[in-house]
Amino acid sequence: MPRLDAAALHLLPRYLELVRTVLSRHLPQAEVWAYGSRVNGDCHEASDLDLVVRNPAAFDEVLPDLPDLKEALVESNLPIRVDVVDWARIPESFRREIERAYVVVRRGGEE
């Protein structure tokens, strides 16, 4: 699994910090990975940020507060769209694709 360093995430540090703040408020125990164009470098300034949230206690358990998180990200001051999916709800083929290149945005339980 090629996990990349956060420096590989094509996102300004202040925006990454804002995303992490929203995540810690709404899903404090979740592990969150970024994937897609902002990880693989195939992005432009207005590209969305793709995130997958994982329940570290049991990866196949759905995280119940995802709608609140999505709303908070929309209402934040981020100038880009953030798409969030739940690891427990995506097919195995999509999981394998994400595992090819991702950046850990937040480890489960981080403050």
PDB file of N, CA and C in Angstrom:
ATOM      1  N   MET A   1       0.833  -1.181   0.000  1.00  0.00           N
ATOM      2  CA  MET A   1       0.000   0.000   0.000  1.00  0.00           C
ATOM      3  C   MET A   1       0.879   1.246   0.000  1.00  0.00           C
ATOM      4  N   PRO A   2       0.971   1.972  -1.077  1.00  0.00           N
ATOM      5  CA  PRO A   2       1.779   3.179  -1.074  1.00  0.00           C
ATOM      6  C   PRO A   2       1.086   4.341  -0.359  1.00  0.00           C
ATOM      7  N   ARG A   3       1.399   4.480   0.905  1.00  0.00           N
ATOM      8  CA  ARG A   3       0.909   5.633   1.658  1.00  0.00           C
ATOM      9  C   ARG A   3       1.917   6.742   1.436  1.00  0.00           C
ATOM     10  N   LEU A   4       1.432   7.891   1.054  1.00  0.00           N
ATOM     11  CA  LEU A   4       2.308   9.012   0.765  1.00  0.00           C
ATOM     12  C   LEU A   4       2.310   9.996   1.925  1.00  0.00           C
ATOM     13  N   ASP A   5       3.364  10.757   2.025  1.00  0.00           N
ATOM     14  CA  ASP A   5       3.490  11.785   3.048  1.00  0.00           C
ATOM     15  C   ASP A   5       2.507  12.923   2.761  1.00  0.00           C
ATOM     16  N   ALA A   6       2.072  13.623   3.799  1.00  0.00           N
ATOM     17  CA  ALA A   6       1.124  14.732   3.637  1.00  0.00           C
ATOM     18  C   ALA A   6       1.660  15.802   2.696  1.00  0.00           C
ATOM     19  N   ALA A   7       2.980  15.909   2.571  1.00  0.00           N
ATOM     20  CA  ALA A   7       3.565  16.878   1.643  1.00  0.00           C
ATOM     21  C   ALA A   7       3.202  16.552   0.198  1.00  0.00           C
ATOM     22  N   ALA A   8       2.851  15.296  -0.067  1.00  0.00           N
ATOM     23  CA  ALA A   8       2.460  14.890  -1.412  1.00  0.00           C
ATOM     24  C   ALA A   8       1.034  15.312  -1.746  1.00  0.00           C
ATOM     25  N   LEU A   9       0.301  15.772  -0.762  1.00  0.00           N
ATOM     26  CA  LEU A   9      -1.080  16.207  -0.972  1.00  0.00           C
ATOM     27  C   LEU A   9      -1.062  17.616  -1.555  1.00  0.00           C
ATOM     28  N   HIS A  10      -1.602  17.769  -2.722  1.00  0.00           N
ATOM     29  CA  HIS A  10      -1.617  19.063  -3.408  1.00  0.00           C
ATOM     30  C   HIS A  10      -2.735  19.926  -2.834  1.00  0.00           C
ATOM     31  N   LEU A  11      -2.458  20.476  -1.638  1.00  0.00           N
ATOM     32  CA  LEU A  11      -3.434  21.291  -0.922  1.00  0.00           C
ATOM     33  C   LEU A  11      -2.657  22.258  -0.033  1.00  0.00           C
ATOM     34  N   LEU A  12      -3.059  23.504  -0.043  1.00  0.00           N
ATOM     35  CA  LEU A  12      -2.369  24.487   0.795  1.00  0.00           C
ATOM     36  C   LEU A  12      -2.457  24.083   2.263  1.00  0.00           C
ATOM     37  N   PRO A  13      -1.390  24.279   3.024  1.00  0.00           N
ATOM     38  CA  PRO A  13      -1.384  23.870   4.435  1.00  0.00           C
ATOM     39  C   PRO A  13      -2.546  24.439   5.250  1.00  0.00           C
ATOM     40  N   ARG A  14      -2.950  25.672   4.991  1.00  0.00           N
ATOM     41  CA  ARG A  14      -4.060  26.245   5.769  1.00  0.00           C
ATOM     42  C   ARG A  14      -5.374  25.524   5.484  1.00  0.00           C
ATOM     43  N   TYR A  15      -5.547  25.041   4.259  1.00  0.00           N
ATOM     44  CA  TYR A  15      -6.761  24.298   3.931  1.00  0.00           C
ATOM     45  C   TYR A  15      -6.724  22.905   4.557  1.00  0.00           C
ATOM     46  N   LEU A  16      -5.549  22.294   4.557  1.00  0.00           N
ATOM     47  CA  LEU A  16      -5.403  20.990   5.197  1.00  0.00           C
ATOM     48  C   LEU A  16      -5.709  21.105   6.684  1.00  0.00           C
ATOM     49  N   GLU A  17      -5.220  22.149   7.318  1.00  0.00           N
ATOM     50  CA  GLU A  17      -5.481  22.353   8.745  1.00  0.00           C
ATOM     51  C   GLU A  17      -6.975  22.558   9.009  1.00  0.00           C
ATOM     52  N   LEU A  18      -7.654  23.286   8.137  1.00  0.00           N
ATOM     53  CA  LEU A  18      -9.097  23.491   8.285  1.00  0.00           C
ATOM     54  C   LEU A  18      -9.845  22.164   8.144  1.00  0.00           C
ATOM     55  N   VAL A  19      -9.454  21.354   7.171  1.00  0.00           N
ATOM     56  CA  VAL A  19     -10.071  20.034   7.003  1.00  0.00           C
ATOM     57  C   VAL A  19      -9.863  19.199   8.260  1.00  0.00           C
ATOM     58  N   ARG A  20      -8.655  19.186   8.781  1.00  0.00           N
ATOM     59  CA  ARG A  20      -8.368  18.406   9.992  1.00  0.00           C
ATOM     60  C   ARG A  20      -9.186  18.899  11.185  1.00  0.00           C
ATOM     61  N   THR A  21      -9.383  20.195  11.300  1.00  0.00           N
ATOM     62  CA  THR A  21     -10.185  20.751  12.395  1.00  0.00           C
ATOM     63  C   THR A  21     -11.630  20.281  12.297  1.00  0.00           C
ATOM     64  N   VAL A  22     -12.197  20.349  11.106  1.00  0.00           N
ATOM     65  CA  VAL A  22     -13.581  19.896  10.907  1.00  0.00           C
ATOM     66  C   VAL A  22     -13.688  18.402  11.200  1.00  0.00           C
ATOM     67  N   LEU A  23     -12.718  17.632  10.745  1.00  0.00           N
ATOM     68  CA  LEU A  23     -12.731  16.190  11.003  1.00  0.00           C
ATOM     69  C   LEU A  23     -12.691  15.891  12.497  1.00  0.00           C
ATOM     70  N   SER A  24     -11.855  16.593  13.228  1.00  0.00           N
ATOM     71  CA  SER A  24     -11.730  16.312  14.662  1.00  0.00           C
ATOM     72  C   SER A  24     -12.997  16.677  15.424  1.00  0.00           C
ATOM     73  N   ARG A  25     -13.738  17.644  14.936  1.00  0.00           N
ATOM     74  CA  ARG A  25     -14.997  18.022  15.588  1.00  0.00           C
ATOM     75  C   ARG A  25     -16.119  17.032  15.310  1.00  0.00           C
ATOM     76  N   HIS A  26     -16.159  16.503  14.106  1.00  0.00           N
ATOM     77  CA  HIS A  26     -17.310  15.697  13.694  1.00  0.00           C
ATOM     78  C   HIS A  26     -17.073  14.192  13.722  1.00  0.00           C
ATOM     79  N   LEU A  27     -15.860  13.761  13.476  1.00  0.00           N
ATOM     80  CA  LEU A  27     -15.542  12.332  13.514  1.00  0.00           C
ATOM     81  C   LEU A  27     -14.206  12.146  14.222  1.00  0.00           C
ATOM     82  N   PRO A  28     -14.154  12.413  15.529  1.00  0.00           N
ATOM     83  CA  PRO A  28     -12.869  12.405  16.236  1.00  0.00           C
ATOM     84  C   PRO A  28     -12.147  11.064  16.236  1.00  0.00           C
ATOM     85  N   GLN A  29     -12.855   9.970  16.112  1.00  0.00           N
ATOM     86  CA  GLN A  29     -12.202   8.661  16.140  1.00  0.00           C
ATOM     87  C   GLN A  29     -11.864   8.127  14.751  1.00  0.00           C
ATOM     88  N   ALA A  30     -12.346   8.793  13.709  1.00  0.00           N
ATOM     89  CA  ALA A  30     -12.171   8.270  12.350  1.00  0.00           C
ATOM     90  C   ALA A  30     -10.747   8.455  11.840  1.00  0.00           C
ATOM     91  N   GLU A  31     -10.319   7.479  11.059  1.00  0.00           N
ATOM     92  CA  GLU A  31      -9.091   7.595  10.285  1.00  0.00           C
ATOM     93  C   GLU A  31      -9.511   8.113   8.917  1.00  0.00           C
ATOM     94  N   VAL A  32      -8.792   9.079   8.379  1.00  0.00           N
ATOM     95  CA  VAL A  32      -9.201   9.705   7.121  1.00  0.00           C
ATOM     96  C   VAL A  32      -8.032   9.723   6.149  1.00  0.00           C
ATOM     97  N   TRP A  33      -8.317   9.252   4.944  1.00  0.00           N
ATOM     98  CA  TRP A  33      -7.327   9.245   3.875  1.00  0.00           C
ATOM     99  C   TRP A  33      -7.796  10.160   2.755  1.00  0.00           C
ATOM    100  N   ALA A  34      -6.852  10.821   2.110  1.00  0.00           N
ATOM    101  CA  ALA A  34      -7.114  11.535   0.861  1.00  0.00           C
ATOM    102  C   ALA A  34      -6.655  10.633  -0.278  1.00  0.00           C
ATOM    103  N   TYR A  35      -7.348  10.718  -1.392  1.00  0.00           N
ATOM    104  CA  TYR A  35      -6.992   9.930  -2.571  1.00  0.00           C
ATOM    105  C   TYR A  35      -7.395  10.739  -3.800  1.00  0.00           C
ATOM    106  N   GLY A  36      -7.147  10.222  -4.954  1.00  0.00           N
ATOM    107  CA  GLY A  36      -7.583  10.891  -6.178  1.00  0.00           C
ATOM    108  C   GLY A  36      -6.578  11.908  -6.694  1.00  0.00           C
ATOM    109  N   SER A  37      -7.094  12.878  -7.436  1.00  0.00           N
ATOM    110  CA  SER A  37      -6.224  13.794  -8.181  1.00  0.00           C
ATOM    111  C   SER A  37      -5.307  14.637  -7.301  1.00  0.00           C
ATOM    112  N   ARG A  38      -5.734  14.989  -6.100  1.00  0.00           N
ATOM    113  CA  ARG A  38      -4.867  15.804  -5.232  1.00  0.00           C
ATOM    114  C   ARG A  38      -3.745  14.969  -4.611  1.00  0.00           C
ATOM    115  N   VAL A  39      -3.837  13.671  -4.720  1.00  0.00           N
ATOM    116  CA  VAL A  39      -2.763  12.791  -4.251  1.00  0.00           C
ATOM    117  C   VAL A  39      -1.855  12.398  -5.414  1.00  0.00           C
ATOM    118  N   ASN A  40      -2.458  12.071  -6.548  1.00  0.00           N
ATOM    119  CA  ASN A  40      -1.635  11.593  -7.659  1.00  0.00           C
ATOM    120  C   ASN A  40      -1.058  12.714  -8.524  1.00  0.00           C
ATOM    121  N   GLY A  41      -1.380  13.966  -8.188  1.00  0.00           N
ATOM    122  CA  GLY A  41      -0.795  15.094  -8.903  1.00  0.00           C
ATOM    123  C   GLY A  41      -1.519  15.502 -10.160  1.00  0.00           C
ATOM    124  N   ASP A  42      -2.602  14.824 -10.488  1.00  0.00           N
ATOM    125  CA  ASP A  42      -3.371  15.132 -11.690  1.00  0.00           C
ATOM    126  C   ASP A  42      -4.490  16.121 -11.340  1.00  0.00           C
ATOM    127  N   CYS A  43      -4.125  17.215 -10.693  1.00  0.00           N
ATOM    128  CA  CYS A  43      -5.136  18.159 -10.218  1.00  0.00           C
ATOM    129  C   CYS A  43      -4.815  19.564 -10.704  1.00  0.00           C
ATOM    130  N   HIS A  44      -5.778  20.432 -10.512  1.00  0.00           N
ATOM    131  CA  HIS A  44      -5.593  21.855 -10.769  1.00  0.00           C
ATOM    132  C   HIS A  44      -6.114  22.601  -9.548  1.00  0.00           C
ATOM    133  N   GLU A  45      -6.012  23.903  -9.547  1.00  0.00           N
ATOM    134  CA  GLU A  45      -6.343  24.696  -8.365  1.00  0.00           C
ATOM    135  C   GLU A  45      -7.753  24.436  -7.832  1.00  0.00           C
ATOM    136  N   ALA A  46      -8.715  24.223  -8.721  1.00  0.00           N
ATOM    137  CA  ALA A  46     -10.106  24.050  -8.300  1.00  0.00           C
ATOM    138  C   ALA A  46     -10.521  22.583  -8.143  1.00  0.00           C
ATOM    139  N   SER A  47      -9.585  21.665  -8.256  1.00  0.00           N
ATOM    140  CA  SER A  47      -9.930  20.243  -8.106  1.00  0.00           C
ATOM    141  C   SER A  47     -10.504  19.975  -6.725  1.00  0.00           C
ATOM    142  N   ASP A  48     -11.434  19.036  -6.671  1.00  0.00           N
ATOM    143  CA  ASP A  48     -12.006  18.668  -5.374  1.00  0.00           C
ATOM    144  C   ASP A  48     -11.003  17.850  -4.570  1.00  0.00           C
ATOM    145  N   LEU A  49     -11.305  17.710  -3.291  1.00  0.00           N
ATOM    146  CA  LEU A  49     -10.505  16.880  -2.392  1.00  0.00           C
ATOM    147  C   LEU A  49     -11.328  15.643  -2.087  1.00  0.00           C
ATOM    148  N   ASP A  50     -10.808  14.484  -2.426  1.00  0.00           N
ATOM    149  CA  ASP A  50     -11.497  13.217  -2.180  1.00  0.00           C
ATOM    150  C   ASP A  50     -10.998  12.617  -0.880  1.00  0.00           C
ATOM    151  N   LEU A  51     -11.933  12.343   0.034  1.00  0.00           N
ATOM    152  CA  LEU A  51     -11.593  11.752   1.324  1.00  0.00           C
ATOM    153  C   LEU A  51     -12.380  10.470   1.536  1.00  0.00           C
ATOM    154  N   VAL A  52     -11.749   9.515   2.185  1.00  0.00           N
ATOM    155  CA  VAL A  52     -12.445   8.310   2.636  1.00  0.00           C
ATOM    156  C   VAL A  52     -12.235   8.224   4.141  1.00  0.00           C
ATOM    157  N   VAL A  53     -13.336   8.006   4.863  1.00  0.00           N
ATOM    158  CA  VAL A  53     -13.260   7.882   6.320  1.00  0.00           C
ATOM    159  C   VAL A  53     -13.375   6.414   6.687  1.00  0.00           C
ATOM    160  N   ARG A  54     -12.577   6.022   7.674  1.00  0.00           N
ATOM    161  CA  ARG A  54     -12.531   4.626   8.105  1.00  0.00           C
ATOM    162  C   ARG A  54     -12.717   4.578   9.611  1.00  0.00           C
ATOM    163  N   ASN A  55     -13.514   3.643  10.061  1.00  0.00           N
ATOM    164  CA  ASN A  55     -13.727   3.429  11.489  1.00  0.00           C
ATOM    165  C   ASN A  55     -12.589   2.543  11.978  1.00  0.00           C
ATOM    166  N   PRO A  56     -11.647   3.071  12.773  1.00  0.00           N
ATOM    167  CA  PRO A  56     -10.492   2.264  13.175  1.00  0.00           C
ATOM    168  C   PRO A  56     -10.850   1.083  14.069  1.00  0.00           C
ATOM    169  N   ALA A  57     -12.005   1.139  14.708  1.00  0.00           N
ATOM    170  CA  ALA A  57     -12.429   0.024  15.562  1.00  0.00           C
ATOM    171  C   ALA A  57     -12.846  -1.179  14.723  1.00  0.00           C
ATOM    172  N   ALA A  58     -13.446  -0.911  13.580  1.00  0.00           N
ATOM    173  CA  ALA A  58     -13.904  -1.971  12.678  1.00  0.00           C
ATOM    174  C   ALA A  58     -14.136  -1.343  11.307  1.00  0.00           C
ATOM    175  N   PHE A  59     -13.235  -1.592  10.375  1.00  0.00           N
ATOM    176  CA  PHE A  59     -13.296  -0.939   9.072  1.00  0.00           C
ATOM    177  C   PHE A  59     -14.605  -1.168   8.327  1.00  0.00           C
ATOM    178  N   ASP A  60     -15.308  -2.243   8.641  1.00  0.00           N
ATOM    179  CA  ASP A  60     -16.563  -2.523   7.948  1.00  0.00           C
ATOM    180  C   ASP A  60     -17.784  -1.936   8.650  1.00  0.00           C
ATOM    181  N   GLU A  61     -17.580  -1.190   9.732  1.00  0.00           N
ATOM    182  CA  GLU A  61     -18.698  -0.530  10.418  1.00  0.00           C
ATOM    183  C   GLU A  61     -18.867   0.882   9.887  1.00  0.00           C
ATOM    184  N   VAL A  62     -20.106   1.211   9.556  1.00  0.00           N
ATOM    185  CA  VAL A  62     -20.435   2.531   9.021  1.00  0.00           C
ATOM    186  C   VAL A  62     -20.273   3.587  10.109  1.00  0.00           C
ATOM    187  N   LEU A  63     -19.757   4.736   9.729  1.00  0.00           N
ATOM    188  CA  LEU A  63     -19.631   5.866  10.655  1.00  0.00           C
ATOM    189  C   LEU A  63     -20.921   6.687  10.600  1.00  0.00           C
ATOM    190  N   PRO A  64     -21.619   6.846  11.721  1.00  0.00           N
ATOM    191  CA  PRO A  64     -22.953   7.446  11.710  1.00  0.00           C
ATOM    192  C   PRO A  64     -22.994   8.953  11.484  1.00  0.00           C
ATOM    193  N   ASP A  65     -21.938   9.678  11.734  1.00  0.00           N
ATOM    194  CA  ASP A  65     -21.983  11.140  11.673  1.00  0.00           C
ATOM    195  C   ASP A  65     -21.517  11.717  10.343  1.00  0.00           C
ATOM    196  N   LEU A  66     -21.484  10.904   9.313  1.00  0.00           N
ATOM    197  CA  LEU A  66     -20.987  11.366   8.024  1.00  0.00           C
ATOM    198  C   LEU A  66     -21.806  12.517   7.434  1.00  0.00           C
ATOM    199  N   PRO A  67     -23.141  12.497   7.498  1.00  0.00           N
ATOM    200  CA  PRO A  67     -23.902  13.636   6.957  1.00  0.00           C
ATOM    201  C   PRO A  67     -23.543  14.962   7.634  1.00  0.00           C
ATOM    202  N   ASP A  68     -23.337  14.944   8.946  1.00  0.00           N
ATOM    203  CA  ASP A  68     -22.951  16.167   9.658  1.00  0.00           C
ATOM    204  C   ASP A  68     -21.577  16.652   9.207  1.00  0.00           C
ATOM    205  N   LEU A  69     -20.660  15.724   8.997  1.00  0.00           N
ATOM    206  CA  LEU A  69     -19.330  16.086   8.519  1.00  0.00           C
ATOM    207  C   LEU A  69     -19.416  16.729   7.139  1.00  0.00           C
ATOM    208  N   LYS A  70     -20.167  16.119   6.248  1.00  0.00           N
ATOM    209  CA  LYS A  70     -20.294  16.660   4.891  1.00  0.00           C
ATOM    210  C   LYS A  70     -20.864  18.073   4.921  1.00  0.00           C
ATOM    211  N   GLU A  71     -21.873  18.293   5.742  1.00  0.00           N
ATOM    212  CA  GLU A  71     -22.478  19.622   5.857  1.00  0.00           C
ATOM    213  C   GLU A  71     -21.469  20.631   6.411  1.00  0.00           C
ATOM    214  N   ALA A  72     -20.710  20.233   7.418  1.00  0.00           N
ATOM    215  CA  ALA A  72     -19.713  21.131   8.006  1.00  0.00           C
ATOM    216  C   ALA A  72     -18.634  21.505   6.988  1.00  0.00           C
ATOM    217  N   LEU A  73     -18.246  20.575   6.155  1.00  0.00           N
ATOM    218  CA  LEU A  73     -17.243  20.876   5.129  1.00  0.00           C
ATOM    219  C   LEU A  73     -17.794  21.845   4.090  1.00  0.00           C
ATOM    220  N   VAL A  74     -19.061  21.674   3.726  1.00  0.00           N
ATOM    221  CA  VAL A  74     -19.693  22.600   2.781  1.00  0.00           C
ATOM    222  C   VAL A  74     -19.750  24.002   3.379  1.00  0.00           C
ATOM    223  N   GLU A  75     -20.063  24.080   4.668  1.00  0.00           N
ATOM    224  CA  GLU A  75     -20.209  25.376   5.339  1.00  0.00           C
ATOM    225  C   GLU A  75     -18.877  25.991   5.775  1.00  0.00           C
ATOM    226  N   SER A  76     -17.798  25.259   5.638  1.00  0.00           N
ATOM    227  CA  SER A  76     -16.483  25.785   6.030  1.00  0.00           C
ATOM    228  C   SER A  76     -16.019  26.826   5.012  1.00  0.00           C
ATOM    229  N   ASN A  77     -14.895  27.423   5.281  1.00  0.00           N
ATOM    230  CA  ASN A  77     -14.334  28.433   4.379  1.00  0.00           C
ATOM    231  C   ASN A  77     -13.436  27.838   3.305  1.00  0.00           C
ATOM    232  N   LEU A  78     -13.514  26.546   3.103  1.00  0.00           N
ATOM    233  CA  LEU A  78     -12.695  25.924   2.060  1.00  0.00           C
ATOM    234  C   LEU A  78     -13.167  26.386   0.690  1.00  0.00           C
ATOM    235  N   PRO A  79     -12.258  26.800  -0.169  1.00  0.00           N
ATOM    236  CA  PRO A  79     -12.651  27.256  -1.500  1.00  0.00           C
ATOM    237  C   PRO A  79     -12.781  26.117  -2.512  1.00  0.00           C
ATOM    238  N   ILE A  80     -12.677  24.887  -2.033  1.00  0.00           N
ATOM    239  CA  ILE A  80     -12.802  23.725  -2.919  1.00  0.00           C
ATOM    240  C   ILE A  80     -13.874  22.796  -2.376  1.00  0.00           C
ATOM    241  N   ARG A  81     -14.379  21.973  -3.261  1.00  0.00           N
ATOM    242  CA  ARG A  81     -15.360  20.964  -2.870  1.00  0.00           C
ATOM    243  C   ARG A  81     -14.627  19.785  -2.236  1.00  0.00           C
ATOM    244  N   VAL A  82     -15.240  19.208  -1.213  1.00  0.00           N
ATOM    245  CA  VAL A  82     -14.677  18.027  -0.567  1.00  0.00           C
ATOM    246  C   VAL A  82     -15.699  16.902  -0.684  1.00  0.00           C
ATOM    247  N   ASP A  83     -15.299  15.816  -1.318  1.00  0.00           N
ATOM    248  CA  ASP A  83     -16.150  14.631  -1.430  1.00  0.00           C
ATOM    249  C   ASP A  83     -15.708  13.627  -0.377  1.00  0.00           C
ATOM    250  N   VAL A  84     -16.669  13.115   0.387  1.00  0.00           N
ATOM    251  CA  VAL A  84     -16.359  12.181   1.471  1.00  0.00           C
ATOM    252  C   VAL A  84     -17.143  10.895   1.262  1.00  0.00           C
ATOM    253  N   VAL A  85     -16.438   9.764   1.338  1.00  0.00           N
ATOM    254  CA  VAL A  85     -17.091   8.457   1.279  1.00  0.00           C
ATOM    255  C   VAL A  85     -16.697   7.657   2.512  1.00  0.00           C
ATOM    256  N   ASP A  86     -17.535   6.709   2.861  1.00  0.00           N
ATOM    257  CA  ASP A  86     -17.297   5.840   4.014  1.00  0.00           C
ATOM    258  C   ASP A  86     -16.714   4.525   3.506  1.00  0.00           C
ATOM    259  N   TRP A  87     -15.560   4.156   4.028  1.00  0.00           N
ATOM    260  CA  TRP A  87     -14.877   2.913   3.643  1.00  0.00           C
ATOM    261  C   TRP A  87     -15.817   1.714   3.711  1.00  0.00           C
ATOM    262  N   ALA A  88     -16.671   1.678   4.719  1.00  0.00           N
ATOM    263  CA  ALA A  88     -17.571   0.540   4.915  1.00  0.00           C
ATOM    264  C   ALA A  88     -18.640   0.444   3.831  1.00  0.00           C
ATOM    265  N   ARG A  89     -18.857   1.507   3.083  1.00  0.00           N
ATOM    266  CA  ARG A  89     -19.928   1.524   2.084  1.00  0.00           C
ATOM    267  C   ARG A  89     -19.432   1.437   0.641  1.00  0.00           C
ATOM    268  N   ILE A  90     -18.143   1.346   0.442  1.00  0.00           N
ATOM    269  CA  ILE A  90     -17.646   1.305  -0.932  1.00  0.00           C
ATOM    270  C   ILE A  90     -17.239  -0.120  -1.300  1.00  0.00           C
ATOM    271  N   PRO A  91     -17.330  -0.455  -2.584  1.00  0.00           N
ATOM    272  CA  PRO A  91     -16.974  -1.810  -3.009  1.00  0.00           C
ATOM    273  C   PRO A  91     -15.478  -2.095  -2.856  1.00  0.00           C
ATOM    274  N   GLU A  92     -15.170  -3.353  -2.751  1.00  0.00           N
ATOM    275  CA  GLU A  92     -13.780  -3.799  -2.600  1.00  0.00           C
ATOM    276  C   GLU A  92     -12.900  -3.283  -3.740  1.00  0.00           C
ATOM    277  N   SER A  93     -13.430  -3.235  -4.952  1.00  0.00           N
ATOM    278  CA  SER A  93     -12.637  -2.751  -6.089  1.00  0.00           C
ATOM    279  C   SER A  93     -12.238  -1.284  -5.904  1.00  0.00           C
ATOM    280  N   PHE A  94     -13.129  -0.474  -5.348  1.00  0.00           N
ATOM    281  CA  PHE A  94     -12.823   0.934  -5.081  1.00  0.00           C
ATOM    282  C   PHE A  94     -11.799   1.043  -3.953  1.00  0.00           C
ATOM    283  N   ARG A  95     -11.912   0.183  -2.953  1.00  0.00           N
ATOM    284  CA  ARG A  95     -10.933   0.168  -1.858  1.00  0.00           C
ATOM    285  C   ARG A  95      -9.529  -0.109  -2.398  1.00  0.00           C
ATOM    286  N   ARG A  96      -9.427  -1.084  -3.279  1.00  0.00           N
ATOM    287  CA  ARG A  96      -8.119  -1.423  -3.856  1.00  0.00           C
ATOM    288  C   ARG A  96      -7.546  -0.243  -4.645  1.00  0.00           C
ATOM    289  N   GLU A  97      -8.409   0.459  -5.362  1.00  0.00           N
ATOM    290  CA  GLU A  97      -7.962   1.630  -6.129  1.00  0.00           C
ATOM    291  C   GLU A  97      -7.427   2.719  -5.195  1.00  0.00           C
ATOM    292  N   ILE A  98      -8.137   2.982  -4.110  1.00  0.00           N
ATOM    293  CA  ILE A  98      -7.687   3.984  -3.135  1.00  0.00           C
ATOM    294  C   ILE A  98      -6.360   3.561  -2.515  1.00  0.00           C
ATOM    295  N   GLU A  99      -6.224   2.280  -2.197  1.00  0.00           N
ATOM    296  CA  GLU A  99      -5.009   1.782  -1.551  1.00  0.00           C
ATOM    297  C   GLU A  99      -3.767   1.902  -2.433  1.00  0.00           C
ATOM    298  N   ARG A 100      -3.951   2.117  -3.713  1.00  0.00           N
ATOM    299  CA  ARG A 100      -2.807   2.268  -4.620  1.00  0.00           C
ATOM    300  C   ARG A 100      -2.025   3.545  -4.332  1.00  0.00           C
ATOM    301  N   ALA A 101      -2.704   4.605  -3.903  1.00  0.00           N
ATOM    302  CA  ALA A 101      -2.031   5.873  -3.565  1.00  0.00           C
ATOM    303  C   ALA A 101      -2.957   6.701  -2.691  1.00  0.00           C
ATOM    304  N   TYR A 102      -2.522   6.955  -1.476  1.00  0.00           N
ATOM    305  CA  TYR A 102      -3.329   7.760  -0.558  1.00  0.00           C
ATOM    306  C   TYR A 102      -2.420   8.505   0.409  1.00  0.00           C
ATOM    307  N   VAL A 103      -2.985   9.505   1.042  1.00  0.00           N
ATOM    308  CA  VAL A 103      -2.297  10.270   2.077  1.00  0.00           C
ATOM    309  C   VAL A 103      -3.156  10.200   3.328  1.00  0.00           C
ATOM    310  N   VAL A 104      -2.557   9.856   4.446  1.00  0.00           N
ATOM    311  CA  VAL A 104      -3.289   9.857   5.712  1.00  0.00           C
ATOM    312  C   VAL A 104      -3.446  11.316   6.145  1.00  0.00           C
ATOM    313  N   VAL A 105      -4.687  11.776   6.154  1.00  0.00           N
ATOM    314  CA  VAL A 105      -4.990  13.146   6.555  1.00  0.00           C
ATOM    315  C   VAL A 105      -5.117  13.225   8.069  1.00  0.00           C
ATOM    316  N   ARG A 106      -5.685  12.178   8.633  1.00  0.00           N
ATOM    317  CA  ARG A 106      -5.891  12.146  10.084  1.00  0.00           C
ATOM    318  C   ARG A 106      -5.925  10.696  10.539  1.00  0.00           C
ATOM    319  N   ARG A 107      -5.180  10.407  11.579  1.00  0.00           N
ATOM    320  CA  ARG A 107      -5.216   9.070  12.181  1.00  0.00           C
ATOM    321  C   ARG A 107      -6.348   9.038  13.185  1.00  0.00           C
ATOM    322  N   GLY A 108      -6.969   7.911  13.340  1.00  0.00           N
ATOM    323  CA  GLY A 108      -8.075   7.784  14.282  1.00  0.00           C
ATOM    324  C   GLY A 108      -7.683   8.168  15.689  1.00  0.00           C
ATOM    325  N   GLY A 109      -8.502   8.992  16.322  1.00  0.00           N
ATOM    326  CA  GLY A 109      -8.290   9.373  17.704  1.00  0.00           C
ATOM    327  C   GLY A 109      -7.311  10.505  17.929  1.00  0.00           C
ATOM    328  N   GLU A 110      -6.780  11.101  16.849  1.00  0.00           N
ATOM    329  CA  GLU A 110      -5.864  12.236  17.019  1.00  0.00           C
ATOM    330  C   GLU A 110      -6.620  13.443  17.525  1.00  0.00           C
ATOM    331  N   GLU A 111      -5.961  14.231  18.319  1.00  0.00           N
ATOM    332  CA  GLU A 111      -6.564  15.491  18.785  1.00  0.00           C
ATOM    333  C   GLU A 111      -6.201  16.604  17.848  1.00  0.00           C
TER     334      GLU A 111
END
